[in-house]
Amino acid sequence: MKRSIALTIAAAALGAAGLAHAQGQGVTAKEIVLGTAQDMSGPVAPFSKPAVNGMRMRIDEINASGGIHGRKIKLVVEDHGYDPKKAVLAAQKMIQKDKIFAAIGSIGTPTAMAAMPLYLEKGVLHLFPLAAARQMYDPLHKYKYSFAATYFDQMRAGLKQLIKEKGHKRVCALHQDDDFGLEVHGGGEAALKDLGMKYHEVTTYKRGATDFSSQVQKMRGAGCEAVVMGTIIRETIGTIATARKLGFSADFIGTTASYTHLIHALGKGLVEGFYSACTSNYPYADDASANVRNWIAGYKKAYNADGDIFAAYGYAMVNMFAMAAEKAGPKLSNDSFAKALESIVIPRDMFGFDEQKFTATKHLGSNRARLCQIQGGKWVTLTDYLTN
């Protein structure tokens, strides 16, 4: 009898251990724990705060409808202040203490690149970062996936379209001197190479800079007709405002890093005509889609703020996670999730995000972008998705 009881206990323990191994950390019978490393206090906090709200909004909807195979989603949010060292500390905390199943929506190219190796080393999925650098999916790793065109691909497609439409001959670049800025610069360089052209002038700035007069004067003196902008919010506005003041009337084109209502809300008439590569339509309250209008109303009710493009990013990425987790079935693990994500096609959503399709050898959902422009104080989509 004693031997039988001992064998039963041992078998149960082995079964529990096997289940824990199959599921991995962050998954219990009742819960899936996700973590997100954001800038809640630094220079891109205006992006992170709505992104987190968008994630929470979709999570609340999923949990209210019963969760995913009976499991509710829990979201852990850590602030790295756009500091790579703090991003590493945030990753360590979420991996070791919070035991997250996946890191989702990590914001910032330098911060994500610093922290991502820690997640992958521990078998934690790194999903859909708000950092459109090629390193977010390349080189291939079974647990890292990116969902939108990289800054490189965005600028390559957007700049070629702009040059074809406007006939510019002298194209210049201004970019932040870090990994983000180099990605944008590289995309512009590739576009020009495709067209048999080269940059006419290149200038950079240090992260946190507020004075762009020397850079603008340099580009103006070079006769630049279009400027590739590896900039975010205040750098975009500051550069264009300085250009207008100095009578420099080139076309400026950015990426999704500057595709935000804050550009026209803060820059007002100075930024009219600014171009950006974009990976969705911008959600405005007067949108023709009833689904988007209802989403904006729901967001306003929940957070007493207007839902913007980063809130839409957050909402969309949790929705993609949920679709793959549902497909993975009750025995959720990092491997079953990856297999499920690679077996489904995520269609365009109400925001107009491109169709997402992953495979075992392609961990970028879409490499296509559109061209958008500020017209009449709001973002207007000018093209459908462009293929490089």
Foldseek 3Di string as FASTA:
>chain_A
DVVVVVVVVVVVVVVVVVLCVLAAWQDDLAAREEEEEEACDADVVVLGVLLVLLQVVLLVVQVVVQHFNNYRYHYHYHHQRLDLVSLQVSLVCCVPPVRHQAYEAHEDDSNCVSRVVVCVVRVHAYEAHNAQAPVQCPPHDLRGFHEEAHLLLLLLFQVLVVCVVPVFQAEEEEAEPDRLRVSNVNSVQNNQVVVVHGHQYYYYDYPPDQACLVVLVVCVVSVHQEYRYSDAANVVLSSLVNCVVVVNDHAYEYEPNHQWLSNCVVNPPSQAWHKYWAQFAWQDCPDPDPVSVVVQVVSCVVPVDGNTPSSVSSNVRSVLQSQLSNQLPPSHHSVSSSVSQQPDWAPQDPRRGHIFHHHSNRRYGDNWTFMWGHHPSHIDTDDRTGDD
